[in-house]
């Protein structure tokens, strides 16, 4: 992602069916490195594979670390692409999933989580942000005025487009 901020206000150009997928892990027992390290190293391998093969459906991903939690925000072309990758025997995810279940699923040393959101209606705004950030970085950007000045209007066109603060 470029660190150069775009001036002004833009919004994501995400087609219906785009998926926001949050996946991560939490280290529950810091001293159990042999339990959580394989989990921590599996995600970078999967992301490398996905980014090298755009036809698998991953549009963009960004990883964040906060204390004991590692979170990767991913944007996918569709829920079908995400499910197909999760179950594919010839890709990195399924073996890592099976290994997690075999080694640490029930011992509590490390936790994993994911949340999947199919974006049939979505709203976003980026003000003075780099072009590659968030959903807009994954799907492209359009001027905010093209979708409406008000967040509620961008979610539901029947809501009047009267912003609380004058647009700039």
C-alpha atoms as a PDB file:
ATOM      1  CA  UNK A   1       0.000   0.000   0.000  1.00  0.00           C
ATOM      2  CA  UNK A   2       1.286   3.413  -0.896  1.00  0.00           C
ATOM      3  CA  UNK A   3       1.745   5.772   2.014  1.00  0.00           C
ATOM      4  CA  UNK A   4       0.732   8.759  -0.103  1.00  0.00           C
ATOM      5  CA  UNK A   5      -2.674  10.013   0.996  1.00  0.00           C
ATOM      6  CA  UNK A   6      -5.270  10.963  -1.601  1.00  0.00           C
ATOM      7  CA  UNK A   7      -6.747  14.387  -0.953  1.00  0.00           C
ATOM      8  CA  UNK A   8     -10.494  14.540  -0.482  1.00  0.00           C
ATOM      9  CA  UNK A   9     -13.295  12.101   0.193  1.00  0.00           C
ATOM     10  CA  UNK A  10     -13.825   8.815  -1.611  1.00  0.00           C
ATOM     11  CA  UNK A  11     -15.745   5.595  -1.055  1.00  0.00           C
ATOM     12  CA  UNK A  12     -15.217   1.943  -1.973  1.00  0.00           C
ATOM     13  CA  UNK A  13     -16.540   0.647  -5.280  1.00  0.00           C
ATOM     14  CA  UNK A  14     -17.358  -2.815  -3.916  1.00  0.00           C
ATOM     15  CA  UNK A  15     -19.740  -4.933  -5.983  1.00  0.00           C
ATOM     16  CA  UNK A  16     -22.496  -6.784  -4.085  1.00  0.00           C
ATOM     17  CA  UNK A  17     -21.239 -10.140  -2.872  1.00  0.00           C
ATOM     18  CA  UNK A  18     -17.765  -8.910  -1.962  1.00  0.00           C
ATOM     19  CA  UNK A  19     -16.684 -10.537   1.313  1.00  0.00           C
ATOM     20  CA  UNK A  20     -14.984  -8.983   4.318  1.00  0.00           C
ATOM     21  CA  UNK A  21     -13.278 -11.791   6.246  1.00  0.00           C
ATOM     22  CA  UNK A  22     -11.646 -11.259   9.630  1.00  0.00           C
ATOM     23  CA  UNK A  23      -9.420 -14.102  10.759  1.00  0.00           C
ATOM     24  CA  UNK A  24      -6.972 -14.321  13.573  1.00  0.00           C
ATOM     25  CA  UNK A  25      -5.488 -15.959  16.593  1.00  0.00           C
ATOM     26  CA  UNK A  26      -4.994 -15.224  20.274  1.00  0.00           C
ATOM     27  CA  UNK A  27      -2.066 -16.557  22.269  1.00  0.00           C
ATOM     28  CA  UNK A  28      -3.643 -17.729  25.523  1.00  0.00           C
ATOM     29  CA  UNK A  29      -0.490 -19.152  27.117  1.00  0.00           C
ATOM     30  CA  UNK A  30       2.644 -17.226  26.170  1.00  0.00           C
ATOM     31  CA  UNK A  31       5.041 -19.914  27.389  1.00  0.00           C
ATOM     32  CA  UNK A  32       3.533 -22.560  25.100  1.00  0.00           C
ATOM     33  CA  UNK A  33       5.496 -21.334  22.076  1.00  0.00           C
ATOM     34  CA  UNK A  34       5.574 -24.795  20.486  1.00  0.00           C
ATOM     35  CA  UNK A  35       1.780 -24.760  20.457  1.00  0.00           C
ATOM     36  CA  UNK A  36       1.070 -21.277  19.103  1.00  0.00           C
ATOM     37  CA  UNK A  37       4.066 -20.673  16.819  1.00  0.00           C
ATOM     38  CA  UNK A  38       2.871 -23.106  14.104  1.00  0.00           C
ATOM     39  CA  UNK A  39      -0.510 -21.357  14.145  1.00  0.00           C
ATOM     40  CA  UNK A  40       1.157 -17.944  13.851  1.00  0.00           C
ATOM     41  CA  UNK A  41       3.346 -19.013  10.925  1.00  0.00           C
ATOM     42  CA  UNK A  42       0.532 -20.689   8.961  1.00  0.00           C
ATOM     43  CA  UNK A  43      -1.235 -17.442   8.005  1.00  0.00           C
ATOM     44  CA  UNK A  44       1.729 -15.784   6.236  1.00  0.00           C
ATOM     45  CA  UNK A  45       2.159 -18.949   4.131  1.00  0.00           C
ATOM     46  CA  UNK A  46      -1.509 -18.887   3.161  1.00  0.00           C
ATOM     47  CA  UNK A  47      -1.419 -15.183   2.311  1.00  0.00           C
ATOM     48  CA  UNK A  48       1.687 -15.651   0.181  1.00  0.00           C
ATOM     49  CA  UNK A  49      -0.073 -18.430  -1.735  1.00  0.00           C
ATOM     50  CA  UNK A  50      -3.261 -16.391  -2.167  1.00  0.00           C
ATOM     51  CA  UNK A  51      -1.496 -13.227  -3.299  1.00  0.00           C
ATOM     52  CA  UNK A  52       0.545 -15.208  -5.837  1.00  0.00           C
ATOM     53  CA  UNK A  53      -2.654 -16.689  -7.320  1.00  0.00           C
ATOM     54  CA  UNK A  54      -5.257 -13.905  -7.722  1.00  0.00           C
ATOM     55  CA  UNK A  55      -7.657 -16.320  -9.440  1.00  0.00           C
ATOM     56  CA  UNK A  56      -8.278 -17.896  -6.002  1.00  0.00           C
ATOM     57  CA  UNK A  57     -10.340 -14.816  -5.124  1.00  0.00           C
ATOM     58  CA  UNK A  58      -8.454 -12.912  -2.420  1.00  0.00           C
ATOM     59  CA  UNK A  59      -8.566  -9.206  -3.326  1.00  0.00           C
ATOM     60  CA  UNK A  60      -6.461  -7.765  -0.483  1.00  0.00           C
ATOM     61  CA  UNK A  61      -5.290  -8.498   3.059  1.00  0.00           C
ATOM     62  CA  UNK A  62      -3.738  -6.590   5.916  1.00  0.00           C
ATOM     63  CA  UNK A  63      -2.487  -7.973   9.242  1.00  0.00           C
ATOM     64  CA  UNK A  64      -2.611  -6.186  12.585  1.00  0.00           C
ATOM     65  CA  UNK A  65      -0.991  -7.186  15.894  1.00  0.00           C
ATOM     66  CA  UNK A  66      -2.267  -6.019  19.267  1.00  0.00           C
ATOM     67  CA  UNK A  67      -0.872  -7.683  22.360  1.00  0.00           C
ATOM     68  CA  UNK A  68      -1.663 -11.396  22.184  1.00  0.00           C
ATOM     69  CA  UNK A  69      -3.951 -11.044  19.170  1.00  0.00           C
ATOM     70  CA  UNK A  70      -3.037 -11.239  15.495  1.00  0.00           C
ATOM     71  CA  UNK A  71      -5.866 -10.187  13.160  1.00  0.00           C
ATOM     72  CA  UNK A  72      -5.868 -10.344   9.378  1.00  0.00           C
ATOM     73  CA  UNK A  73      -8.562  -8.413   7.527  1.00  0.00           C
ATOM     74  CA  UNK A  74      -9.157  -9.956   4.127  1.00  0.00           C
ATOM     75  CA  UNK A  75     -11.381  -8.944   1.225  1.00  0.00           C
ATOM     76  CA  UNK A  76     -12.595 -11.689  -1.108  1.00  0.00           C
ATOM     77  CA  UNK A  77     -14.316 -11.614  -4.476  1.00  0.00           C
ATOM     78  CA  UNK A  78     -17.092 -13.910  -3.161  1.00  0.00           C
ATOM     79  CA  UNK A  79     -18.102 -16.247  -0.348  1.00  0.00           C
ATOM     80  CA  UNK A  80     -17.845 -19.116  -2.825  1.00  0.00           C
ATOM     81  CA  UNK A  81     -14.177 -18.309  -3.520  1.00  0.00           C
ATOM     82  CA  UNK A  82     -13.449 -18.175   0.222  1.00  0.00           C
ATOM     83  CA  UNK A  83     -15.182 -21.510   0.870  1.00  0.00           C
ATOM     84  CA  UNK A  84     -13.503 -23.161  -2.117  1.00  0.00           C
ATOM     85  CA  UNK A  85     -10.072 -22.090  -0.811  1.00  0.00           C
ATOM     86  CA  UNK A  86     -10.860 -23.191   2.764  1.00  0.00           C
ATOM     87  CA  UNK A  87     -11.714 -26.721   1.587  1.00  0.00           C
ATOM     88  CA  UNK A  88      -9.153 -27.161  -1.206  1.00  0.00           C
ATOM     89  CA  UNK A  89      -6.878 -30.150  -0.641  1.00  0.00           C
ATOM     90  CA  UNK A  90      -4.173 -28.698  -2.891  1.00  0.00           C
ATOM     91  CA  UNK A  91      -3.762 -25.383  -1.031  1.00  0.00           C
ATOM     92  CA  UNK A  92      -2.233 -24.362   2.308  1.00  0.00           C
ATOM     93  CA  UNK A  93      -5.366 -23.798   4.424  1.00  0.00           C
ATOM     94  CA  UNK A  94      -6.830 -27.292   4.764  1.00  0.00           C
ATOM     95  CA  UNK A  95      -3.589 -28.941   5.984  1.00  0.00           C
ATOM     96  CA  UNK A  96      -3.060 -26.099   8.493  1.00  0.00           C
ATOM     97  CA  UNK A  97      -6.654 -26.434   9.724  1.00  0.00           C
ATOM     98  CA  UNK A  98      -6.269 -30.193  10.184  1.00  0.00           C
ATOM     99  CA  UNK A  99      -2.945 -29.735  12.004  1.00  0.00           C
ATOM    100  CA  UNK A 100      -4.522 -27.189  14.374  1.00  0.00           C
ATOM    101  CA  UNK A 101      -7.366 -29.586  15.142  1.00  0.00           C
ATOM    102  CA  UNK A 102      -4.935 -32.433  15.771  1.00  0.00           C
ATOM    103  CA  UNK A 103      -2.457 -30.536  17.967  1.00  0.00           C
ATOM    104  CA  UNK A 104      -4.121 -27.734  19.895  1.00  0.00           C
ATOM    105  CA  UNK A 105      -7.863 -27.523  19.309  1.00  0.00           C
ATOM    106  CA  UNK A 106      -8.831 -28.614  22.836  1.00  0.00           C
ATOM    107  CA  UNK A 107      -5.876 -27.573  25.013  1.00  0.00           C
ATOM    108  CA  UNK A 108      -6.593 -23.832  25.282  1.00  0.00           C
ATOM    109  CA  UNK A 109      -3.014 -22.689  24.562  1.00  0.00           C
ATOM    110  CA  UNK A 110      -3.998 -20.748  21.449  1.00  0.00           C
ATOM    111  CA  UNK A 111      -7.353 -19.615  20.114  1.00  0.00           C
ATOM    112  CA  UNK A 112      -8.420 -18.946  16.551  1.00  0.00           C
ATOM    113  CA  UNK A 113     -11.395 -17.038  15.200  1.00  0.00           C
ATOM    114  CA  UNK A 114     -12.960 -15.799  12.020  1.00  0.00           C
ATOM    115  CA  UNK A 115     -15.904 -13.643  11.008  1.00  0.00           C
ATOM    116  CA  UNK A 116     -17.358 -13.550   7.492  1.00  0.00           C
ATOM    117  CA  UNK A 117     -19.457 -10.680   6.136  1.00  0.00           C
ATOM    118  CA  UNK A 118     -21.037 -10.748   2.678  1.00  0.00           C
ATOM    119  CA  UNK A 119     -21.329  -7.109   1.644  1.00  0.00           C
ATOM    120  CA  UNK A 120     -24.622  -6.818  -0.191  1.00  0.00           C
ATOM    121  CA  UNK A 121     -25.035  -3.343   1.293  1.00  0.00           C
ATOM    122  CA  UNK A 122     -21.927  -1.577   2.475  1.00  0.00           C
ATOM    123  CA  UNK A 123     -20.792   1.932   3.204  1.00  0.00           C
ATOM    124  CA  UNK A 124     -17.328   3.387   3.553  1.00  0.00           C
ATOM    125  CA  UNK A 125     -15.578   6.718   3.533  1.00  0.00           C
ATOM    126  CA  UNK A 126     -11.883   7.511   3.247  1.00  0.00           C
ATOM    127  CA  UNK A 127     -10.712  11.067   3.856  1.00  0.00           C
ATOM    128  CA  UNK A 128      -7.078  11.855   3.081  1.00  0.00           C
ATOM    129  CA  UNK A 129      -6.173   8.141   3.188  1.00  0.00           C
ATOM    130  CA  UNK A 130      -3.851   6.111   0.933  1.00  0.00           C
ATOM    131  CA  UNK A 131      -5.593   4.522  -2.058  1.00  0.00           C
ATOM    132  CA  UNK A 132      -4.683   0.993  -0.985  1.00  0.00           C
ATOM    133  CA  UNK A 133      -6.406   1.065   2.402  1.00  0.00           C
ATOM    134  CA  UNK A 134      -9.399  -1.048   3.421  1.00  0.00           C
ATOM    135  CA  UNK A 135     -12.252  -2.191   1.246  1.00  0.00           C
ATOM    136  CA  UNK A 136     -11.580   0.672  -1.160  1.00  0.00           C
ATOM    137  CA  UNK A 137      -8.037  -0.560  -1.664  1.00  0.00           C
ATOM    138  CA  UNK A 138      -9.380  -4.008  -2.511  1.00  0.00           C
ATOM    139  CA  UNK A 139     -12.210  -3.009  -4.847  1.00  0.00           C
ATOM    140  CA  UNK A 140     -11.371   0.462  -6.145  1.00  0.00           C
ATOM    141  CA  UNK A 141     -12.512   3.951  -5.219  1.00  0.00           C
ATOM    142  CA  UNK A 142     -15.080   6.419  -6.502  1.00  0.00           C
ATOM    143  CA  UNK A 143     -15.732  10.011  -5.437  1.00  0.00           C
ATOM    144  CA  UNK A 144     -17.963  10.127  -2.377  1.00  0.00           C
ATOM    145  CA  UNK A 145     -20.482  12.357  -4.159  1.00  0.00           C
ATOM    146  CA  UNK A 146     -21.110   9.530  -6.659  1.00  0.00           C
ATOM    147  CA  UNK A 147     -22.704   7.450  -3.881  1.00  0.00           C
ATOM    148  CA  UNK A 148     -23.982  10.204  -1.604  1.00  0.00           C
ATOM    149  CA  UNK A 149     -22.656  12.530   1.072  1.00  0.00           C
ATOM    150  CA  UNK A 150     -24.476  10.811   3.946  1.00  0.00           C
ATOM    151  CA  UNK A 151     -23.595   7.322   5.252  1.00  0.00           C
ATOM    152  CA  UNK A 152     -27.260   6.384   5.724  1.00  0.00           C
ATOM    153  CA  UNK A 153     -27.952   7.356   2.092  1.00  0.00           C
ATOM    154  CA  UNK A 154     -25.056   5.228   0.830  1.00  0.00           C
ATOM    155  CA  UNK A 155     -26.653   2.261   2.627  1.00  0.00           C
ATOM    156  CA  UNK A 156     -30.227   3.061   1.592  1.00  0.00           C
ATOM    157  CA  UNK A 157     -30.876   5.379  -1.357  1.00  0.00           C
ATOM    158  CA  UNK A 158     -34.375   6.176  -0.023  1.00  0.00           C
ATOM    159  CA  UNK A 159     -32.798   8.086   2.907  1.00  0.00           C
ATOM    160  CA  UNK A 160     -32.374  11.781   2.013  1.00  0.00           C
ATOM    161  CA  UNK A 161     -28.780  12.707   1.194  1.00  0.00           C
ATOM    162  CA  UNK A 162     -28.546  15.596   3.652  1.00  0.00           C
ATOM    163  CA  UNK A 163     -25.228  15.455   5.541  1.00  0.00           C
ATOM    164  CA  UNK A 164     -24.970  16.664   9.155  1.00  0.00           C
ATOM    165  CA  UNK A 165     -21.726  18.488   8.309  1.00  0.00           C
ATOM    166  CA  UNK A 166     -21.260  20.466   5.107  1.00  0.00           C
ATOM    167  CA  UNK A 167     -19.186  18.441   2.608  1.00  0.00           C
ATOM    168  CA  UNK A 168     -15.848  19.791   1.489  1.00  0.00           C
END
